[in-house]
């Protein structure tokens, strides 16, 4: 985990959870625990190594959530452009 403020109270063993502030993930999902904290003299931030809550090598399924592109920017399954994309290129 990067960009942890130097004045943060983070300590080894702390539980890391999602904040929900960015809208990308719901608040309160447990990510893991702080394994170590790294501070480099002169840096404005510190970083932490996180031990995942789950053994990712044993996951059988995952769900990837992303923000879709607007419909008129997508290509079809065969890689051809959609009609709105063709209109934009013809102009």
N, C-alpha and C. Protein backbone atom coordinates (compact mmCIF):
# COMPACT_ATOMS: atom_id res chain seq x y z
N UNK A 1 0.87 -1.15 0.00
CA UNK A 1 0.00 0.00 0.00
C UNK A 1 0.92 1.22 0.00
N UNK A 2 0.66 2.14 -0.92
CA UNK A 2 1.51 3.33 -1.07
C UNK A 2 0.80 4.58 -0.55
N UNK A 3 1.57 5.62 -0.41
CA UNK A 3 1.08 6.96 -0.09
C UNK A 3 0.36 7.06 1.25
N UNK A 4 0.92 6.42 2.26
CA UNK A 4 0.39 6.54 3.62
C UNK A 4 1.07 7.76 4.25
N UNK A 5 0.30 8.72 4.77
CA UNK A 5 0.92 9.91 5.38
C UNK A 5 1.90 9.51 6.49
N UNK A 6 2.99 10.27 6.59
CA UNK A 6 3.99 9.98 7.62
C UNK A 6 3.42 10.05 9.03
N UNK A 7 2.43 10.88 9.24
CA UNK A 7 1.84 11.02 10.57
C UNK A 7 0.73 10.01 10.84
N UNK A 8 0.52 9.07 9.93
CA UNK A 8 -0.50 8.04 10.09
C UNK A 8 -0.18 7.19 11.32
N UNK A 9 -1.22 6.73 11.99
CA UNK A 9 -1.07 5.87 13.16
C UNK A 9 -1.00 4.39 12.77
N UNK A 10 -0.81 4.09 11.50
CA UNK A 10 -0.76 2.69 11.03
C UNK A 10 0.36 1.94 11.74
N UNK A 11 0.04 0.71 12.16
CA UNK A 11 1.03 -0.14 12.85
C UNK A 11 0.96 -1.56 12.30
N UNK A 12 2.05 -2.28 12.44
CA UNK A 12 2.08 -3.69 12.04
C UNK A 12 0.98 -4.43 12.79
N UNK A 13 0.23 -5.24 12.04
CA UNK A 13 -0.87 -5.99 12.63
C UNK A 13 -2.23 -5.35 12.45
N UNK A 14 -2.27 -4.06 12.08
CA UNK A 14 -3.55 -3.38 11.86
C UNK A 14 -4.31 -4.04 10.71
N UNK A 15 -5.63 -4.05 10.81
CA UNK A 15 -6.48 -4.56 9.74
C UNK A 15 -6.70 -3.47 8.70
N UNK A 16 -6.59 -3.81 7.42
CA UNK A 16 -6.80 -2.87 6.32
C UNK A 16 -8.17 -3.16 5.71
N UNK A 17 -9.01 -2.13 5.65
CA UNK A 17 -10.34 -2.26 5.07
C UNK A 17 -10.55 -1.17 4.01
N UNK A 18 -11.51 -1.39 3.13
CA UNK A 18 -11.84 -0.38 2.14
C UNK A 18 -12.59 0.77 2.81
N UNK A 19 -12.35 1.98 2.32
CA UNK A 19 -12.99 3.16 2.90
C UNK A 19 -14.33 3.48 2.26
N UNK A 20 -14.50 3.10 1.00
CA UNK A 20 -15.71 3.45 0.29
C UNK A 20 -15.71 4.86 -0.26
N UNK A 21 -14.63 5.59 -0.05
CA UNK A 21 -14.58 7.01 -0.45
C UNK A 21 -14.51 7.21 -1.96
N UNK A 22 -13.86 6.31 -2.68
CA UNK A 22 -13.71 6.51 -4.13
C UNK A 22 -14.88 5.98 -4.93
N UNK A 23 -15.74 5.21 -4.30
CA UNK A 23 -16.87 4.64 -5.02
C UNK A 23 -16.53 3.36 -5.74
N UNK A 24 -15.26 2.97 -5.75
CA UNK A 24 -14.85 1.76 -6.44
C UNK A 24 -15.18 0.49 -5.68
N UNK A 25 -15.18 0.59 -4.36
CA UNK A 25 -15.46 -0.56 -3.50
C UNK A 25 -16.35 -0.12 -2.36
N UNK A 26 -17.22 -1.00 -1.89
CA UNK A 26 -18.05 -0.64 -0.74
C UNK A 26 -17.20 -0.47 0.52
N UNK A 27 -17.67 0.30 1.45
CA UNK A 27 -16.98 0.56 2.71
C UNK A 27 -16.93 -0.71 3.57
N UNK A 28 -15.78 -0.95 4.19
CA UNK A 28 -15.66 -1.99 5.19
C UNK A 28 -15.23 -3.37 4.73
N UNK A 29 -14.87 -3.55 3.46
CA UNK A 29 -14.38 -4.86 3.01
C UNK A 29 -12.97 -5.08 3.55
N UNK A 30 -12.73 -6.19 4.20
CA UNK A 30 -11.40 -6.47 4.76
C UNK A 30 -10.46 -6.90 3.63
N UNK A 31 -9.34 -6.20 3.53
CA UNK A 31 -8.33 -6.48 2.52
C UNK A 31 -7.25 -7.40 3.09
N UNK A 32 -6.80 -7.11 4.30
CA UNK A 32 -5.74 -7.90 4.92
C UNK A 32 -5.23 -7.19 6.16
N UNK A 33 -3.98 -7.49 6.51
CA UNK A 33 -3.38 -6.85 7.68
C UNK A 33 -1.98 -6.34 7.33
N UNK A 34 -1.55 -5.33 8.06
CA UNK A 34 -0.25 -4.70 7.80
C UNK A 34 0.85 -5.66 8.27
N UNK A 35 1.70 -6.08 7.34
CA UNK A 35 2.82 -6.97 7.65
C UNK A 35 4.06 -6.18 8.04
N UNK A 36 4.29 -5.07 7.32
CA UNK A 36 5.44 -4.21 7.63
C UNK A 36 5.18 -2.82 7.09
N UNK A 37 5.88 -1.85 7.66
CA UNK A 37 5.77 -0.46 7.21
C UNK A 37 7.16 0.00 6.80
N UNK A 38 7.25 0.63 5.64
CA UNK A 38 8.53 1.10 5.12
C UNK A 38 8.55 2.62 5.08
N UNK A 39 9.56 3.18 5.71
CA UNK A 39 9.77 4.63 5.69
C UNK A 39 11.13 4.90 5.08
N UNK A 40 11.17 5.79 4.11
CA UNK A 40 12.43 6.16 3.47
C UNK A 40 12.70 7.62 3.83
N UNK A 41 13.88 7.87 4.38
CA UNK A 41 14.24 9.23 4.79
C UNK A 41 14.13 10.19 3.62
N UNK A 42 13.46 11.29 3.81
CA UNK A 42 13.28 12.29 2.78
C UNK A 42 11.99 12.15 1.99
N UNK A 43 11.36 10.97 2.06
CA UNK A 43 10.09 10.78 1.35
C UNK A 43 8.95 11.47 2.09
N UNK A 44 7.94 11.88 1.35
CA UNK A 44 6.78 12.54 1.95
C UNK A 44 5.76 11.55 2.49
N UNK A 45 5.85 10.30 2.05
CA UNK A 45 4.90 9.27 2.45
C UNK A 45 5.65 8.02 2.87
N UNK A 46 4.93 7.11 3.47
CA UNK A 46 5.45 5.79 3.79
C UNK A 46 4.61 4.75 3.06
N UNK A 47 5.05 3.53 3.04
CA UNK A 47 4.28 2.47 2.39
C UNK A 47 4.19 1.28 3.34
N UNK A 48 3.27 0.38 3.06
CA UNK A 48 3.08 -0.79 3.90
C UNK A 48 2.92 -2.02 3.04
N UNK A 49 3.45 -3.12 3.51
CA UNK A 49 3.22 -4.43 2.89
C UNK A 49 2.02 -5.04 3.60
N UNK A 50 1.10 -5.53 2.80
CA UNK A 50 -0.16 -6.06 3.34
C UNK A 50 -0.22 -7.57 3.10
N UNK A 51 -0.60 -8.31 4.13
CA UNK A 51 -0.87 -9.74 3.99
C UNK A 51 -2.35 -9.88 3.67
N UNK A 52 -2.69 -10.47 2.51
CA UNK A 52 -4.10 -10.60 2.13
C UNK A 52 -4.91 -11.39 3.16
N UNK A 53 -6.17 -11.03 3.29
CA UNK A 53 -7.08 -11.72 4.20
C UNK A 53 -7.34 -13.15 3.73
N UNK A 54 -7.32 -13.36 2.42
CA UNK A 54 -7.59 -14.68 1.86
C UNK A 54 -6.34 -15.20 1.17
N UNK A 55 -6.26 -16.50 1.01
CA UNK A 55 -5.19 -17.13 0.25
C UNK A 55 -5.59 -17.07 -1.22
N UNK A 56 -5.04 -16.09 -1.94
CA UNK A 56 -5.47 -15.87 -3.33
C UNK A 56 -5.16 -17.05 -4.24
N UNK A 57 -4.24 -17.92 -3.84
CA UNK A 57 -3.93 -19.09 -4.67
C UNK A 57 -5.04 -20.14 -4.60
N UNK A 58 -5.94 -19.99 -3.64
CA UNK A 58 -7.03 -20.96 -3.49
C UNK A 58 -8.37 -20.43 -4.00
N UNK A 59 -8.38 -19.23 -4.57
CA UNK A 59 -9.62 -18.70 -5.12
C UNK A 59 -9.99 -19.48 -6.38
N UNK A 60 -11.25 -19.81 -6.48
CA UNK A 60 -11.72 -20.51 -7.67
C UNK A 60 -12.41 -19.58 -8.64
N UNK A 61 -13.03 -18.53 -8.12
CA UNK A 61 -13.71 -17.56 -8.97
C UNK A 61 -13.49 -16.17 -8.40
N UNK A 62 -13.39 -15.21 -9.29
CA UNK A 62 -13.31 -13.81 -8.89
C UNK A 62 -14.25 -13.01 -9.78
N UNK A 63 -14.66 -11.87 -9.29
CA UNK A 63 -15.51 -10.97 -10.06
C UNK A 63 -14.74 -9.68 -10.26
N UNK A 64 -14.54 -9.29 -11.51
CA UNK A 64 -13.85 -8.06 -11.83
C UNK A 64 -14.89 -7.02 -12.19
N UNK A 65 -14.88 -5.91 -11.45
CA UNK A 65 -15.84 -4.84 -11.68
C UNK A 65 -15.09 -3.66 -12.26
N UNK A 66 -15.53 -3.19 -13.41
CA UNK A 66 -14.88 -2.03 -14.01
C UNK A 66 -15.95 -1.07 -14.51
N UNK A 67 -15.55 0.15 -14.77
CA UNK A 67 -16.46 1.14 -15.32
C UNK A 67 -16.49 0.96 -16.83
N UNK A 68 -17.65 0.66 -17.39
CA UNK A 68 -17.71 0.44 -18.84
C UNK A 68 -17.50 1.75 -19.60
N UNK A 69 -16.94 1.61 -20.79
CA UNK A 69 -16.81 2.77 -21.67
C UNK A 69 -18.18 3.11 -22.24
N UNK A 70 -18.37 4.36 -22.64
CA UNK A 70 -19.66 4.70 -23.28
C UNK A 70 -19.92 3.78 -24.48
N UNK A 71 -21.16 3.48 -24.72
CA UNK A 71 -21.54 2.51 -25.75
C UNK A 71 -20.95 2.84 -27.11
N UNK A 72 -20.92 4.11 -27.49
CA UNK A 72 -20.46 4.44 -28.84
C UNK A 72 -18.95 4.32 -29.00
N UNK A 73 -18.22 3.98 -27.94
CA UNK A 73 -16.77 3.80 -28.05
C UNK A 73 -16.39 2.33 -28.07
N UNK A 74 -17.33 1.44 -27.96
CA UNK A 74 -17.04 0.02 -27.92
C UNK A 74 -16.98 -0.58 -29.32
N UNK A 75 -16.22 -1.62 -29.44
CA UNK A 75 -16.18 -2.37 -30.70
C UNK A 75 -17.08 -3.60 -30.55
N UNK A 76 -17.48 -4.15 -31.68
CA UNK A 76 -18.29 -5.38 -31.66
C UNK A 76 -17.38 -6.57 -31.37
N UNK A 77 -17.97 -7.73 -31.16
CA UNK A 77 -17.20 -8.93 -30.86
C UNK A 77 -16.17 -9.27 -31.93
N UNK A 78 -16.48 -8.96 -33.19
CA UNK A 78 -15.55 -9.28 -34.26
C UNK A 78 -14.50 -8.18 -34.49
N UNK A 79 -14.51 -7.15 -33.62
CA UNK A 79 -13.51 -6.09 -33.72
C UNK A 79 -13.90 -4.94 -34.62
N UNK A 80 -15.03 -5.06 -35.33
CA UNK A 80 -15.46 -3.96 -36.20
C UNK A 80 -16.06 -2.85 -35.34
N UNK A 81 -16.13 -1.67 -35.92
CA UNK A 81 -16.66 -0.53 -35.19
C UNK A 81 -18.17 -0.51 -35.22
N UNK A 82 -18.75 0.07 -34.20
CA UNK A 82 -20.19 0.26 -34.16
C UNK A 82 -20.58 1.43 -35.06
N UNK A 83 -21.85 1.54 -35.47
CA UNK A 83 -22.27 2.60 -36.40
C UNK A 83 -21.86 4.01 -35.97
N UNK A 84 -21.99 4.37 -34.69
CA UNK A 84 -21.63 5.73 -34.27
C UNK A 84 -20.14 5.99 -34.46
N UNK A 85 -19.31 4.97 -34.28
CA UNK A 85 -17.88 5.14 -34.49
C UNK A 85 -17.59 5.37 -35.96
N UNK A 86 -18.29 4.67 -36.81
CA UNK A 86 -18.11 4.85 -38.26
C UNK A 86 -18.49 6.26 -38.66
N UNK A 87 -19.60 6.77 -38.10
CA UNK A 87 -20.04 8.13 -38.42
C UNK A 87 -18.97 9.13 -38.03
N UNK A 88 -18.35 8.96 -36.87
CA UNK A 88 -17.31 9.89 -36.40
C UNK A 88 -16.11 9.87 -37.33
N UNK A 89 -15.75 8.68 -37.83
CA UNK A 89 -14.57 8.57 -38.71
C UNK A 89 -14.83 9.16 -40.08
N UNK A 90 -16.09 9.10 -40.55
CA UNK A 90 -16.42 9.59 -41.88
C UNK A 90 -16.43 11.11 -41.93
N UNK A 91 -16.55 11.76 -40.80
CA UNK A 91 -16.62 13.24 -40.78
C UNK A 91 -15.31 13.87 -41.03
